[in-house]
N, C-alpha and C. Protein backbone atom coordinates (compact mmCIF):
# COMPACT_ATOMS: atom_id res chain seq x y z
N MET A 1 -14.30 34.48 74.86
CA MET A 1 -12.93 34.04 74.94
C MET A 1 -12.18 34.91 75.95
N GLN A 2 -11.28 34.28 76.66
CA GLN A 2 -10.49 34.98 77.67
C GLN A 2 -9.46 35.90 76.99
N PRO A 3 -9.38 37.16 77.42
CA PRO A 3 -8.44 38.09 76.79
C PRO A 3 -6.99 37.76 77.18
N PRO A 4 -6.05 38.16 76.34
CA PRO A 4 -4.64 37.96 76.70
C PRO A 4 -4.28 38.82 77.90
N VAL A 5 -3.22 38.40 78.59
CA VAL A 5 -2.73 39.10 79.78
C VAL A 5 -1.36 39.67 79.46
N MET A 6 -1.21 40.96 79.71
CA MET A 6 0.08 41.63 79.51
C MET A 6 0.71 41.91 80.87
N PHE A 7 1.95 41.48 81.03
CA PHE A 7 2.73 41.86 82.21
C PHE A 7 3.33 43.22 81.90
N SER A 8 3.17 44.16 82.81
CA SER A 8 3.50 45.55 82.52
C SER A 8 4.06 46.24 83.76
N ALA A 9 4.56 47.44 83.57
CA ALA A 9 4.97 48.33 84.66
C ALA A 9 4.74 49.76 84.18
N THR A 10 4.43 50.65 85.11
CA THR A 10 4.09 52.02 84.72
C THR A 10 5.27 52.74 84.07
N TRP A 11 6.49 52.38 84.40
CA TRP A 11 7.67 53.05 83.86
C TRP A 11 8.09 52.50 82.49
N CYS A 12 7.43 51.44 82.02
CA CYS A 12 7.84 50.75 80.79
C CYS A 12 7.21 51.40 79.56
N GLY A 13 8.03 52.04 78.76
CA GLY A 13 7.56 52.69 77.55
C GLY A 13 6.97 51.72 76.54
N HIS A 14 7.59 50.56 76.37
CA HIS A 14 7.07 49.55 75.44
C HIS A 14 5.67 49.09 75.88
N CYS A 15 5.49 48.95 77.19
CA CYS A 15 4.19 48.54 77.73
C CYS A 15 3.12 49.59 77.44
N THR A 16 3.44 50.84 77.69
CA THR A 16 2.51 51.93 77.46
C THR A 16 2.10 51.99 76.00
N ARG A 17 3.08 51.89 75.13
CA ARG A 17 2.80 51.96 73.69
C ARG A 17 1.91 50.79 73.26
N LEU A 18 2.23 49.58 73.72
CA LEU A 18 1.44 48.42 73.31
C LEU A 18 0.00 48.52 73.83
N LYS A 19 -0.17 48.98 75.07
CA LYS A 19 -1.53 49.14 75.61
C LYS A 19 -2.34 50.13 74.77
N GLN A 20 -1.73 51.25 74.41
CA GLN A 20 -2.42 52.26 73.60
C GLN A 20 -2.81 51.70 72.23
N GLN A 21 -1.89 50.97 71.63
CA GLN A 21 -2.16 50.41 70.30
C GLN A 21 -3.25 49.35 70.35
N LEU A 22 -3.24 48.51 71.38
CA LEU A 22 -4.27 47.47 71.50
C LEU A 22 -5.64 48.10 71.72
N LYS A 23 -5.70 49.18 72.49
CA LYS A 23 -6.97 49.88 72.69
C LYS A 23 -7.48 50.44 71.37
N ARG A 24 -6.59 51.03 70.57
CA ARG A 24 -7.00 51.57 69.26
C ARG A 24 -7.53 50.49 68.34
N LEU A 25 -6.96 49.28 68.45
CA LEU A 25 -7.39 48.16 67.61
C LEU A 25 -8.59 47.41 68.20
N ASP A 26 -9.07 47.85 69.36
CA ASP A 26 -10.17 47.19 70.06
C ASP A 26 -9.88 45.74 70.40
N VAL A 27 -8.63 45.47 70.75
CA VAL A 27 -8.25 44.13 71.19
C VAL A 27 -8.36 44.10 72.71
N PRO A 28 -9.19 43.23 73.26
CA PRO A 28 -9.31 43.17 74.72
C PRO A 28 -8.03 42.60 75.33
N PHE A 29 -7.69 43.06 76.51
CA PHE A 29 -6.53 42.54 77.21
C PHE A 29 -6.64 42.89 78.68
N GLU A 30 -5.94 42.14 79.49
CA GLU A 30 -5.83 42.43 80.91
C GLU A 30 -4.39 42.80 81.19
N VAL A 31 -4.18 43.59 82.24
CA VAL A 31 -2.84 44.03 82.59
C VAL A 31 -2.51 43.59 84.02
N ILE A 32 -1.32 43.04 84.17
CA ILE A 32 -0.77 42.79 85.50
C ILE A 32 0.42 43.71 85.64
N ASP A 33 0.30 44.71 86.50
CA ASP A 33 1.40 45.64 86.76
C ASP A 33 2.29 45.00 87.82
N VAL A 34 3.48 44.59 87.43
CA VAL A 34 4.36 43.85 88.34
C VAL A 34 4.97 44.73 89.42
N ASP A 35 4.93 46.06 89.24
CA ASP A 35 5.37 46.95 90.32
C ASP A 35 4.31 47.02 91.41
N GLU A 36 3.05 47.08 91.01
CA GLU A 36 1.96 47.16 91.97
C GLU A 36 1.58 45.79 92.53
N GLN A 37 1.90 44.73 91.78
CA GLN A 37 1.57 43.37 92.18
C GLN A 37 2.81 42.48 92.04
N PRO A 38 3.82 42.69 92.89
CA PRO A 38 5.07 41.94 92.76
C PRO A 38 4.92 40.44 92.97
N GLU A 39 3.80 40.02 93.53
CA GLU A 39 3.59 38.58 93.70
C GLU A 39 3.48 37.86 92.35
N HIS A 40 3.32 38.63 91.26
CA HIS A 40 3.24 38.05 89.92
C HIS A 40 4.60 37.95 89.23
N LEU A 41 5.67 38.38 89.89
CA LEU A 41 7.00 38.30 89.28
C LEU A 41 7.40 36.86 88.93
N PRO A 42 7.11 35.86 89.78
CA PRO A 42 7.43 34.49 89.37
C PRO A 42 6.68 34.06 88.10
N ALA A 43 5.43 34.47 87.95
CA ALA A 43 4.67 34.14 86.74
C ALA A 43 5.26 34.85 85.53
N LEU A 44 5.73 36.09 85.72
CA LEU A 44 6.40 36.82 84.64
C LEU A 44 7.65 36.07 84.20
N ALA A 45 8.47 35.67 85.15
CA ALA A 45 9.70 34.95 84.82
C ALA A 45 9.38 33.62 84.13
N GLU A 46 8.35 32.93 84.61
CA GLU A 46 7.97 31.65 84.00
C GLU A 46 7.49 31.85 82.56
N ALA A 47 6.70 32.87 82.33
CA ALA A 47 6.18 33.14 80.99
C ALA A 47 7.29 33.57 80.04
N ASN A 48 8.40 34.02 80.60
CA ASN A 48 9.45 34.67 79.83
C ASN A 48 10.77 33.91 79.90
N ASN A 49 10.70 32.61 80.13
CA ASN A 49 11.91 31.77 80.19
C ASN A 49 12.94 32.29 81.17
N GLY A 50 12.48 32.74 82.33
CA GLY A 50 13.37 33.18 83.39
C GLY A 50 13.70 34.67 83.38
N SER A 51 13.34 35.36 82.33
CA SER A 51 13.65 36.78 82.21
C SER A 51 12.51 37.64 82.74
N TRP A 52 12.83 38.84 83.19
CA TRP A 52 11.81 39.79 83.62
C TRP A 52 11.56 40.85 82.55
N LEU A 53 12.00 40.59 81.33
CA LEU A 53 11.77 41.52 80.22
C LEU A 53 10.27 41.71 80.03
N ILE A 54 9.85 42.95 79.92
CA ILE A 54 8.43 43.22 79.70
C ILE A 54 8.27 44.06 78.44
N PRO A 55 7.17 43.93 77.75
CA PRO A 55 5.93 43.26 78.10
C PRO A 55 5.76 41.90 77.42
N PRO A 56 5.73 40.81 78.16
CA PRO A 56 5.25 39.58 77.54
C PRO A 56 3.71 39.57 77.59
N VAL A 57 3.12 38.95 76.61
CA VAL A 57 1.67 38.81 76.54
C VAL A 57 1.36 37.32 76.53
N ARG A 58 0.56 36.88 77.51
CA ARG A 58 0.19 35.46 77.63
C ARG A 58 -1.25 35.28 77.19
N PHE A 59 -1.46 34.30 76.32
CA PHE A 59 -2.79 34.00 75.79
C PHE A 59 -3.40 32.84 76.57
N ALA A 60 -4.71 32.70 76.46
CA ALA A 60 -5.46 31.69 77.22
C ALA A 60 -4.92 30.28 76.98
N ALA A 61 -4.47 29.99 75.77
CA ALA A 61 -3.97 28.66 75.45
C ALA A 61 -2.56 28.41 76.00
N GLY A 62 -1.96 29.46 76.60
CA GLY A 62 -0.63 29.30 77.18
C GLY A 62 0.50 29.86 76.34
N THR A 63 0.20 30.26 75.12
CA THR A 63 1.21 30.86 74.25
C THR A 63 1.65 32.20 74.84
N VAL A 64 2.95 32.49 74.72
CA VAL A 64 3.49 33.76 75.21
C VAL A 64 4.25 34.44 74.08
N MET A 65 4.00 35.74 73.91
CA MET A 65 4.78 36.56 72.98
C MET A 65 5.50 37.61 73.81
N VAL A 66 6.80 37.78 73.57
CA VAL A 66 7.59 38.76 74.32
C VAL A 66 7.79 40.00 73.47
N ASN A 67 7.36 41.14 74.04
CA ASN A 67 7.46 42.44 73.37
C ASN A 67 6.90 42.40 71.95
N PRO A 68 5.67 41.90 71.79
CA PRO A 68 5.09 41.80 70.45
C PRO A 68 4.54 43.14 69.96
N SER A 69 4.29 43.19 68.68
CA SER A 69 3.58 44.35 68.14
C SER A 69 2.09 44.16 68.41
N ALA A 70 1.34 45.24 68.34
CA ALA A 70 -0.10 45.15 68.53
C ALA A 70 -0.73 44.29 67.43
N ALA A 71 -0.21 44.39 66.23
CA ALA A 71 -0.73 43.58 65.12
C ALA A 71 -0.53 42.09 65.40
N GLU A 72 0.62 41.73 65.95
CA GLU A 72 0.86 40.32 66.28
C GLU A 72 -0.11 39.83 67.34
N VAL A 73 -0.35 40.65 68.36
CA VAL A 73 -1.29 40.27 69.41
C VAL A 73 -2.69 40.14 68.83
N ALA A 74 -3.11 41.10 68.02
CA ALA A 74 -4.45 41.07 67.43
C ALA A 74 -4.62 39.83 66.55
N THR A 75 -3.64 39.51 65.74
CA THR A 75 -3.73 38.35 64.86
C THR A 75 -3.80 37.06 65.64
N HIS A 76 -2.97 36.94 66.66
CA HIS A 76 -2.95 35.71 67.46
C HIS A 76 -4.26 35.57 68.24
N TYR A 77 -4.75 36.66 68.79
CA TYR A 77 -6.01 36.63 69.53
C TYR A 77 -7.17 36.24 68.61
N ALA A 78 -7.23 36.81 67.42
CA ALA A 78 -8.29 36.51 66.47
C ALA A 78 -8.24 35.05 66.03
N ALA A 79 -7.05 34.51 65.91
CA ALA A 79 -6.91 33.10 65.49
C ALA A 79 -7.42 32.15 66.56
N GLN A 80 -7.45 32.58 67.80
CA GLN A 80 -7.93 31.74 68.89
C GLN A 80 -9.45 31.81 69.04
N SER A 81 -10.06 32.79 68.40
CA SER A 81 -11.51 32.97 68.54
C SER A 81 -12.28 31.92 67.78
């Protein structure tokens, strides 16, 4: 199954915390750093109803969670398996 994608930035404390928590829970995920890859800003805005609030997490089925807890991401990911 395709892992969820997190839109992130190095300066974002919420992003850092969520990445650390997902690693501890062994939940696979990919990261798009929008500072290093600004070409993804339109996809971030689209996933987030026009907002650049991070971290949204996009799942393979198209579902998006904005600033979720690691438990929410893990539960949603497991339900898609």
